[in-house]
Amino acid sequence: MIGDMNEPNNGPAKRLYRTRDGRIIAGVCSGLAVYFGVDPTLVRLAFAVLTVFGAVGILLYLGAWAVIPDEVDGTSIVDSVINKKRS
């Protein structure tokens, strides 16, 4: 069957990272843009619009910054804090 959900997916898994290339503040918008295949300007515009309406954009951005891992070291801010507490 075409499109059978039981067929194995042989392609590489998509990973969401905060990118270093195209980064303005923390790489959240550019990372989301790469993941979803859209222009980073559109993602930045969406965060700006959400910020105007009740500061939701700032809260979402800070939350994403905390949990999305960096593309270079693969750890997020939350991971770093947890690992420091364990040490």
N, C-alpha and C. Protein backbone atom coordinates (compact mmCIF):
# COMPACT_ATOMS: atom_id res chain seq x y z
N MET A 1 0.82 -1.17 0.00
CA MET A 1 0.00 0.00 0.00
C MET A 1 0.87 1.25 0.00
N ILE A 2 0.46 2.24 -0.73
CA ILE A 2 1.19 3.51 -0.74
C ILE A 2 0.83 4.28 0.52
N GLY A 3 1.88 4.79 1.23
CA GLY A 3 1.65 5.59 2.42
C GLY A 3 1.25 4.78 3.64
N ASP A 4 1.53 3.47 3.62
CA ASP A 4 1.20 2.63 4.76
C ASP A 4 1.99 3.08 5.99
N MET A 5 1.32 3.26 7.09
CA MET A 5 1.96 3.77 8.31
C MET A 5 2.92 2.74 8.92
N ASN A 6 2.85 1.48 8.49
CA ASN A 6 3.72 0.44 9.05
C ASN A 6 5.04 0.30 8.31
N GLU A 7 5.21 1.04 7.20
CA GLU A 7 6.45 0.97 6.45
C GLU A 7 7.55 1.70 7.21
N PRO A 8 8.76 1.16 7.23
CA PRO A 8 9.84 1.85 7.93
C PRO A 8 10.24 3.13 7.22
N ASN A 9 10.62 4.11 8.01
CA ASN A 9 11.09 5.39 7.46
C ASN A 9 12.61 5.33 7.43
N ASN A 10 13.18 5.26 6.24
CA ASN A 10 14.63 5.11 6.11
C ASN A 10 15.37 6.44 6.08
N GLY A 11 14.66 7.54 6.06
CA GLY A 11 15.30 8.85 6.03
C GLY A 11 15.80 9.24 7.41
N PRO A 12 16.72 10.19 7.45
CA PRO A 12 17.23 10.65 8.75
C PRO A 12 16.15 11.38 9.53
N ALA A 13 16.16 11.22 10.84
CA ALA A 13 15.19 11.89 11.69
C ALA A 13 15.50 13.38 11.75
N LYS A 14 14.47 14.20 11.67
CA LYS A 14 14.66 15.64 11.79
C LYS A 14 14.89 15.97 13.25
N ARG A 15 15.87 16.84 13.50
CA ARG A 15 16.16 17.27 14.87
C ARG A 15 16.03 18.78 14.94
N LEU A 16 15.47 19.26 16.02
CA LEU A 16 15.31 20.69 16.25
C LEU A 16 16.46 21.19 17.11
N TYR A 17 17.20 22.15 16.59
CA TYR A 17 18.33 22.74 17.30
C TYR A 17 18.28 24.25 17.18
N ARG A 18 18.90 24.94 18.15
CA ARG A 18 19.15 26.37 18.02
C ARG A 18 20.40 26.50 17.16
N THR A 19 20.26 27.13 16.02
CA THR A 19 21.36 27.20 15.07
C THR A 19 22.33 28.32 15.40
N ARG A 20 23.56 28.16 14.93
CA ARG A 20 24.58 29.21 15.04
C ARG A 20 24.57 30.10 13.80
N ASP A 21 24.23 29.51 12.66
CA ASP A 21 24.19 30.26 11.40
C ASP A 21 22.87 31.02 11.32
N GLY A 22 22.93 32.32 11.14
CA GLY A 22 21.73 33.13 11.05
C GLY A 22 21.17 33.54 12.39
N ARG A 23 21.92 33.30 13.44
CA ARG A 23 21.48 33.62 14.80
C ARG A 23 21.50 35.13 15.01
N ILE A 24 20.46 35.64 15.66
CA ILE A 24 20.45 37.05 16.06
C ILE A 24 20.59 37.14 17.58
N ILE A 25 19.78 36.42 18.32
CA ILE A 25 19.90 36.42 19.78
C ILE A 25 20.37 35.05 20.26
N ALA A 26 19.52 34.05 20.16
CA ALA A 26 19.88 32.73 20.67
C ALA A 26 19.75 31.62 19.63
N GLY A 27 19.31 31.94 18.44
CA GLY A 27 19.18 30.94 17.39
C GLY A 27 17.87 30.19 17.39
N VAL A 28 16.91 30.62 18.22
CA VAL A 28 15.63 29.93 18.30
C VAL A 28 14.86 30.08 16.99
N CYS A 29 14.72 31.29 16.51
CA CYS A 29 13.94 31.52 15.28
C CYS A 29 14.58 30.87 14.07
N SER A 30 15.91 30.99 13.95
CA SER A 30 16.56 30.36 12.80
C SER A 30 16.50 28.84 12.89
N GLY A 31 16.58 28.29 14.09
CA GLY A 31 16.45 26.84 14.26
C GLY A 31 15.06 26.35 13.91
N LEU A 32 14.04 27.07 14.35
CA LEU A 32 12.66 26.70 14.01
C LEU A 32 12.44 26.82 12.50
N ALA A 33 13.02 27.85 11.89
CA ALA A 33 12.87 28.03 10.44
C ALA A 33 13.49 26.88 9.66
N VAL A 34 14.67 26.45 10.07
CA VAL A 34 15.32 25.32 9.41
C VAL A 34 14.48 24.05 9.59
N TYR A 35 14.00 23.83 10.79
CA TYR A 35 13.22 22.62 11.09
C TYR A 35 11.94 22.55 10.25
N PHE A 36 11.24 23.69 10.14
CA PHE A 36 9.98 23.70 9.40
C PHE A 36 10.13 24.08 7.93
N GLY A 37 11.35 24.45 7.51
CA GLY A 37 11.59 24.76 6.11
C GLY A 37 10.98 26.07 5.66
N VAL A 38 11.00 27.07 6.53
CA VAL A 38 10.47 28.39 6.18
C VAL A 38 11.55 29.44 6.36
N ASP A 39 11.26 30.65 5.94
CA ASP A 39 12.19 31.77 6.07
C ASP A 39 12.26 32.21 7.54
N PRO A 40 13.46 32.40 8.10
CA PRO A 40 13.58 32.83 9.49
C PRO A 40 12.88 34.15 9.78
N THR A 41 12.76 35.00 8.78
CA THR A 41 12.08 36.28 8.98
C THR A 41 10.61 36.07 9.34
N LEU A 42 9.98 35.05 8.76
CA LEU A 42 8.59 34.75 9.08
C LEU A 42 8.44 34.30 10.54
N VAL A 43 9.39 33.49 11.00
CA VAL A 43 9.34 33.03 12.39
C VAL A 43 9.56 34.20 13.33
N ARG A 44 10.52 35.06 13.01
CA ARG A 44 10.78 36.24 13.84
C ARG A 44 9.55 37.15 13.87
N LEU A 45 8.90 37.32 12.73
CA LEU A 45 7.70 38.13 12.65
C LEU A 45 6.58 37.55 13.51
N ALA A 46 6.45 36.23 13.48
CA ALA A 46 5.43 35.57 14.31
C ALA A 46 5.68 35.82 15.80
N PHE A 47 6.95 35.70 16.23
CA PHE A 47 7.27 35.99 17.63
C PHE A 47 7.00 37.45 17.97
N ALA A 48 7.29 38.36 17.04
CA ALA A 48 7.04 39.79 17.28
C ALA A 48 5.55 40.06 17.43
N VAL A 49 4.75 39.47 16.56
CA VAL A 49 3.30 39.66 16.64
C VAL A 49 2.76 39.09 17.95
N LEU A 50 3.24 37.91 18.34
CA LEU A 50 2.80 37.33 19.62
C LEU A 50 3.24 38.17 20.81
N THR A 51 4.35 38.85 20.68
CA THR A 51 4.83 39.71 21.76
C THR A 51 3.93 40.93 21.92
N VAL A 52 3.45 41.47 20.81
CA VAL A 52 2.56 42.62 20.86
C VAL A 52 1.25 42.25 21.57
N PHE A 53 0.78 41.04 21.37
CA PHE A 53 -0.48 40.60 21.98
C PHE A 53 -0.23 39.87 23.29
N GLY A 54 0.09 40.63 24.33
CA GLY A 54 0.18 40.07 25.68
C GLY A 54 1.52 39.48 26.04
N ALA A 55 2.57 39.80 25.34
CA ALA A 55 3.93 39.33 25.64
C ALA A 55 4.09 37.82 25.58
N VAL A 56 3.17 37.16 24.90
CA VAL A 56 3.25 35.71 24.76
C VAL A 56 4.49 35.31 23.96
N GLY A 57 4.86 36.12 22.98
CA GLY A 57 6.02 35.82 22.14
C GLY A 57 7.31 35.76 22.95
N ILE A 58 7.46 36.68 23.91
CA ILE A 58 8.66 36.69 24.75
C ILE A 58 8.70 35.44 25.61
N LEU A 59 7.57 35.06 26.19
CA LEU A 59 7.53 33.87 27.04
C LEU A 59 7.83 32.60 26.24
N LEU A 60 7.25 32.50 25.04
CA LEU A 60 7.51 31.34 24.18
C LEU A 60 8.98 31.28 23.76
N TYR A 61 9.54 32.45 23.41
CA TYR A 61 10.93 32.50 22.98
C TYR A 61 11.86 32.07 24.12
N LEU A 62 11.63 32.60 25.32
CA LEU A 62 12.47 32.24 26.46
C LEU A 62 12.33 30.76 26.80
N GLY A 63 11.12 30.24 26.71
CA GLY A 63 10.91 28.81 26.96
C GLY A 63 11.63 27.96 25.93
N ALA A 64 11.54 28.36 24.66
CA ALA A 64 12.22 27.61 23.60
C ALA A 64 13.73 27.69 23.77
N TRP A 65 14.24 28.85 24.17
CA TRP A 65 15.66 29.04 24.40
C TRP A 65 16.15 28.09 25.49
N ALA A 66 15.31 27.88 26.49
CA ALA A 66 15.70 27.02 27.61
C ALA A 66 15.68 25.53 27.26
N VAL A 67 14.79 25.10 26.40
CA VAL A 67 14.63 23.66 26.17
C VAL A 67 15.18 23.14 24.85
N ILE A 68 15.33 24.00 23.84
CA ILE A 68 15.85 23.54 22.55
C ILE A 68 17.37 23.47 22.64
N PRO A 69 17.96 22.33 22.31
CA PRO A 69 19.42 22.20 22.42
C PRO A 69 20.17 23.01 21.36
N ASP A 70 21.39 23.39 21.72
CA ASP A 70 22.27 24.11 20.80
C ASP A 70 22.80 23.13 19.76
N GLU A 71 22.99 23.59 18.54
CA GLU A 71 23.42 22.69 17.46
C GLU A 71 24.86 22.21 17.65
N VAL A 72 25.70 22.97 18.33
CA VAL A 72 27.11 22.61 18.47
C VAL A 72 27.31 21.56 19.55
N ASP A 73 26.84 21.85 20.78
CA ASP A 73 27.09 20.90 21.87
C ASP A 73 25.91 19.98 22.16
N GLY A 74 24.75 20.24 21.58
CA GLY A 74 23.61 19.35 21.73
C GLY A 74 22.93 19.40 23.09
N THR A 75 23.25 20.40 23.91
CA THR A 75 22.60 20.51 25.21
C THR A 75 21.80 21.79 25.28
N SER A 76 20.74 21.74 26.05
CA SER A 76 19.93 22.93 26.28
C SER A 76 20.32 23.55 27.61
N ILE A 77 19.78 24.71 27.88
CA ILE A 77 20.05 25.37 29.16
C ILE A 77 19.54 24.52 30.31
N VAL A 78 18.38 23.91 30.14
CA VAL A 78 17.82 23.04 31.17
C VAL A 78 18.74 21.85 31.42
N ASP A 79 19.25 21.24 30.36
CA ASP A 79 20.20 20.13 30.51
C ASP A 79 21.43 20.55 31.29
N SER A 80 21.95 21.74 30.99
CA SER A 80 23.15 22.23 31.66
C SER A 80 22.90 22.43 33.14
N VAL A 81 21.74 22.98 33.50
CA VAL A 81 21.41 23.21 34.91
C VAL A 81 21.26 21.90 35.65
N ILE A 82 20.58 20.94 35.03
CA ILE A 82 20.39 19.63 35.68
C ILE A 82 21.72 18.92 35.87
N ASN A 83 22.58 18.97 34.86
CA ASN A 83 23.89 18.30 34.99
C ASN A 83 24.76 18.96 36.03
N LYS A 84 24.66 20.28 36.22
CA LYS A 84 25.44 20.95 37.27
C LYS A 84 24.97 20.54 38.65
N LYS A 85 23.67 20.36 38.82
CA LYS A 85 23.14 19.94 40.12
C LYS A 85 23.55 18.52 40.46
N ARG A 86 23.69 17.67 39.46
CA ARG A 86 24.10 16.28 39.71
C ARG A 86 25.57 16.17 40.06
N SER A 87 26.38 17.14 39.61
CA SER A 87 27.82 17.07 39.85
C SER A 87 28.19 17.47 41.25
